[in-house]
C-alpha cells in the first residue's frame, strides 16, 4: 500500500489516464475528484461490500427458499 500526503488542490496520477485531485477538505473528510476513462469502474468500498452481501442473500438454496415461503404464507 502506498500512502501519500496531499493538500487541497494537489493531485496524483495513476498510470497515463487516471488523475485524482483533492477538491475540498474538512476536519474529518476529504472530497476527491477522479478523472478516469469511462471503462474504469469506480465505486465506494462500502457499496461494493453491500452489493456482495446482497448477492449472497439472493443466493438462497431451495431448502432455505421453501422455509422462507412457508414463513411468508403463515402471515
N, C-alpha and C. Protein backbone atom coordinates (compact mmCIF):
# COMPACT_ATOMS: atom_id res chain seq x y z
N UNK A 1 0.85 -1.17 0.00
CA UNK A 1 0.00 0.00 0.00
C UNK A 1 0.89 1.23 0.00
N UNK A 2 0.53 2.17 -0.81
CA UNK A 2 1.24 3.44 -0.88
C UNK A 2 0.42 4.50 -0.15
N UNK A 3 1.02 5.24 0.74
CA UNK A 3 0.34 6.31 1.47
C UNK A 3 0.99 7.62 1.08
N UNK A 4 0.17 8.54 0.59
CA UNK A 4 0.65 9.85 0.16
C UNK A 4 -0.05 10.95 0.94
N UNK A 5 0.64 12.03 1.12
CA UNK A 5 0.02 13.20 1.73
C UNK A 5 -0.18 14.25 0.65
N UNK A 6 -1.39 14.75 0.52
CA UNK A 6 -1.72 15.78 -0.46
C UNK A 6 -2.47 16.90 0.24
N UNK A 7 -2.38 18.09 -0.31
CA UNK A 7 -3.13 19.23 0.20
C UNK A 7 -4.23 19.59 -0.80
N UNK A 8 -5.17 20.40 -0.34
CA UNK A 8 -6.26 20.84 -1.21
C UNK A 8 -5.70 21.43 -2.49
N UNK A 9 -6.24 20.97 -3.62
CA UNK A 9 -5.80 21.44 -4.93
C UNK A 9 -4.69 20.60 -5.54
N UNK A 10 -4.04 19.75 -4.74
CA UNK A 10 -2.99 18.89 -5.26
C UNK A 10 -3.60 17.61 -5.82
N UNK A 11 -2.83 16.92 -6.64
CA UNK A 11 -3.34 15.72 -7.31
C UNK A 11 -2.28 14.65 -7.36
N UNK A 12 -2.71 13.48 -7.81
CA UNK A 12 -1.78 12.40 -8.11
C UNK A 12 -2.25 11.71 -9.37
N UNK A 13 -1.33 11.05 -10.05
CA UNK A 13 -1.65 10.34 -11.29
C UNK A 13 -1.46 8.85 -11.06
N UNK A 14 -2.34 8.08 -11.67
CA UNK A 14 -2.22 6.62 -11.68
C UNK A 14 -2.15 6.22 -13.15
N UNK A 15 -1.00 5.75 -13.55
CA UNK A 15 -0.81 5.42 -14.96
C UNK A 15 -0.89 6.67 -15.82
N UNK A 16 -1.25 6.46 -17.07
CA UNK A 16 -1.31 7.57 -18.03
C UNK A 16 -2.61 8.34 -18.00
N UNK A 17 -3.72 7.67 -17.60
CA UNK A 17 -5.02 8.28 -17.83
C UNK A 17 -5.94 8.38 -16.61
N UNK A 18 -5.40 8.29 -15.40
CA UNK A 18 -6.22 8.47 -14.19
C UNK A 18 -5.57 9.53 -13.32
N UNK A 19 -6.35 10.53 -12.95
CA UNK A 19 -5.88 11.60 -12.07
C UNK A 19 -6.86 11.73 -10.91
N UNK A 20 -6.32 11.85 -9.71
CA UNK A 20 -7.13 12.04 -8.50
C UNK A 20 -6.64 13.32 -7.84
N UNK A 21 -7.55 14.26 -7.65
CA UNK A 21 -7.16 15.50 -7.00
C UNK A 21 -8.02 15.75 -5.77
N UNK A 22 -7.47 16.51 -4.84
CA UNK A 22 -8.19 16.87 -3.61
C UNK A 22 -9.00 18.12 -3.92
N UNK A 23 -10.31 17.95 -3.93
CA UNK A 23 -11.21 19.04 -4.29
C UNK A 23 -11.55 19.92 -3.10
N UNK A 24 -11.76 19.29 -1.94
CA UNK A 24 -12.13 20.03 -0.73
C UNK A 24 -11.79 19.16 0.47
N UNK A 25 -11.64 19.80 1.62
CA UNK A 25 -11.30 19.07 2.83
C UNK A 25 -12.03 19.66 4.03
N UNK A 26 -12.31 18.82 4.99
CA UNK A 26 -12.88 19.25 6.25
C UNK A 26 -12.09 18.63 7.38
N UNK A 27 -12.60 18.75 8.59
CA UNK A 27 -11.89 18.23 9.76
C UNK A 27 -11.74 16.71 9.71
N UNK A 28 -12.79 16.01 9.25
CA UNK A 28 -12.73 14.55 9.22
C UNK A 28 -13.22 13.97 7.90
N UNK A 29 -13.07 14.72 6.82
CA UNK A 29 -13.47 14.24 5.49
C UNK A 29 -12.62 14.89 4.42
N UNK A 30 -12.64 14.27 3.25
CA UNK A 30 -11.95 14.81 2.08
C UNK A 30 -12.81 14.55 0.85
N UNK A 31 -12.88 15.49 -0.05
CA UNK A 31 -13.63 15.32 -1.29
C UNK A 31 -12.62 15.13 -2.42
N UNK A 32 -12.75 14.00 -3.12
CA UNK A 32 -11.84 13.66 -4.20
C UNK A 32 -12.50 13.90 -5.55
N UNK A 33 -11.72 14.38 -6.49
CA UNK A 33 -12.16 14.49 -7.88
C UNK A 33 -11.36 13.46 -8.66
N UNK A 34 -12.04 12.53 -9.31
CA UNK A 34 -11.37 11.44 -10.03
C UNK A 34 -11.65 11.60 -11.51
N UNK A 35 -10.59 11.73 -12.29
CA UNK A 35 -10.69 11.82 -13.73
C UNK A 35 -10.14 10.52 -14.31
N UNK A 36 -11.03 9.68 -14.86
CA UNK A 36 -10.64 8.38 -15.38
C UNK A 36 -11.49 8.06 -16.61
N UNK A 37 -11.01 7.17 -17.46
CA UNK A 37 -11.81 6.76 -18.62
C UNK A 37 -13.12 6.10 -18.18
N UNK A 38 -14.12 6.16 -19.04
CA UNK A 38 -15.45 5.62 -18.72
C UNK A 38 -15.43 4.11 -18.47
N UNK A 39 -14.47 3.39 -19.02
CA UNK A 39 -14.45 1.94 -18.82
C UNK A 39 -13.84 1.53 -17.48
N UNK A 40 -13.34 2.48 -16.71
CA UNK A 40 -12.82 2.20 -15.38
C UNK A 40 -13.97 2.32 -14.38
N UNK A 41 -14.25 1.23 -13.68
CA UNK A 41 -15.34 1.21 -12.70
C UNK A 41 -14.83 1.81 -11.39
N UNK A 42 -15.53 2.82 -10.89
CA UNK A 42 -15.17 3.48 -9.63
C UNK A 42 -16.38 3.40 -8.70
N UNK A 43 -16.20 2.76 -7.55
CA UNK A 43 -17.28 2.64 -6.57
C UNK A 43 -16.73 2.83 -5.17
N UNK A 44 -17.56 3.37 -4.30
CA UNK A 44 -17.18 3.45 -2.89
C UNK A 44 -17.10 2.05 -2.31
N UNK A 45 -16.12 1.81 -1.45
CA UNK A 45 -15.87 0.47 -0.90
C UNK A 45 -17.09 -0.08 -0.17
N UNK A 46 -17.82 0.76 0.56
CA UNK A 46 -18.98 0.26 1.30
C UNK A 46 -20.10 -0.20 0.37
N UNK A 47 -20.19 0.38 -0.83
CA UNK A 47 -21.19 -0.06 -1.79
C UNK A 47 -20.80 -1.41 -2.41
N UNK A 48 -19.52 -1.61 -2.64
CA UNK A 48 -19.05 -2.89 -3.15
C UNK A 48 -19.35 -3.99 -2.14
N UNK A 49 -19.10 -3.70 -0.86
CA UNK A 49 -19.37 -4.67 0.21
C UNK A 49 -20.87 -4.97 0.30
N UNK A 50 -21.70 -3.93 0.25
CA UNK A 50 -23.15 -4.12 0.32
C UNK A 50 -23.66 -4.93 -0.87
N UNK A 51 -23.11 -4.68 -2.04
CA UNK A 51 -23.52 -5.43 -3.23
C UNK A 51 -23.17 -6.90 -3.07
N UNK A 52 -22.02 -7.19 -2.48
CA UNK A 52 -21.63 -8.58 -2.23
C UNK A 52 -22.57 -9.26 -1.25
N UNK A 53 -22.95 -8.54 -0.20
CA UNK A 53 -23.87 -9.10 0.78
C UNK A 53 -25.25 -9.34 0.16
N UNK A 54 -25.70 -8.42 -0.68
CA UNK A 54 -26.99 -8.59 -1.36
C UNK A 54 -26.94 -9.79 -2.29
N UNK A 55 -25.82 -9.98 -2.98
CA UNK A 55 -25.69 -11.11 -3.89
C UNK A 55 -25.73 -12.42 -3.10
N UNK A 56 -25.05 -12.46 -1.94
CA UNK A 56 -25.08 -13.64 -1.07
C UNK A 56 -26.51 -13.93 -0.62
N UNK A 57 -27.21 -12.90 -0.20
CA UNK A 57 -28.57 -13.08 0.30
C UNK A 57 -29.51 -13.56 -0.80
N UNK A 58 -29.25 -13.17 -2.03
CA UNK A 58 -30.10 -13.58 -3.14
C UNK A 58 -29.86 -15.03 -3.55
N UNK A 59 -28.76 -15.62 -3.12
CA UNK A 59 -28.42 -16.99 -3.48
C UNK A 59 -28.90 -17.99 -2.42
N UNK A 60 -30.18 -17.94 -2.11
CA UNK A 60 -30.73 -18.91 -1.16
C UNK A 60 -30.83 -20.27 -1.84
N UNK A 61 -30.55 -21.33 -1.09
CA UNK A 61 -30.75 -22.66 -1.67
C UNK A 61 -32.23 -23.02 -1.60
N UNK A 62 -32.62 -24.11 -2.23
CA UNK A 62 -34.04 -24.49 -2.30
C UNK A 62 -34.67 -24.71 -0.93
N UNK A 63 -33.92 -25.32 -0.01
CA UNK A 63 -34.46 -25.56 1.34
C UNK A 63 -34.74 -24.24 2.05
N UNK A 64 -33.79 -23.32 1.99
CA UNK A 64 -33.97 -22.01 2.63
C UNK A 64 -35.13 -21.27 1.99
N UNK A 65 -35.26 -21.38 0.68
CA UNK A 65 -36.34 -20.70 -0.03
C UNK A 65 -37.70 -21.28 0.37
N UNK A 66 -37.79 -22.60 0.52
CA UNK A 66 -39.04 -23.24 0.95
C UNK A 66 -39.44 -22.79 2.34
N UNK A 67 -38.47 -22.72 3.26
CA UNK A 67 -38.74 -22.26 4.62
C UNK A 67 -39.23 -20.81 4.61
N UNK A 68 -38.59 -19.99 3.80
CA UNK A 68 -38.99 -18.59 3.69
C UNK A 68 -40.41 -18.47 3.15
N UNK A 69 -40.76 -19.25 2.13
CA UNK A 69 -42.12 -19.23 1.57
C UNK A 69 -43.14 -19.63 2.62
N UNK A 70 -42.84 -20.69 3.40
CA UNK A 70 -43.75 -21.11 4.46
C UNK A 70 -43.96 -20.02 5.48
N UNK A 71 -42.88 -19.37 5.86
CA UNK A 71 -42.96 -18.28 6.84
C UNK A 71 -43.82 -17.14 6.31
N UNK A 72 -43.63 -16.77 5.06
CA UNK A 72 -44.40 -15.66 4.46
C UNK A 72 -45.86 -16.02 4.35
N UNK A 73 -46.19 -17.26 3.97
CA UNK A 73 -47.58 -17.68 3.80
C UNK A 73 -48.34 -17.78 5.11
N UNK A 74 -47.64 -17.94 6.23
CA UNK A 74 -48.30 -18.04 7.54
C UNK A 74 -48.84 -16.69 8.00
N UNK A 75 -48.31 -15.60 7.47
CA UNK A 75 -48.74 -14.28 7.93
C UNK A 75 -49.98 -13.81 7.27
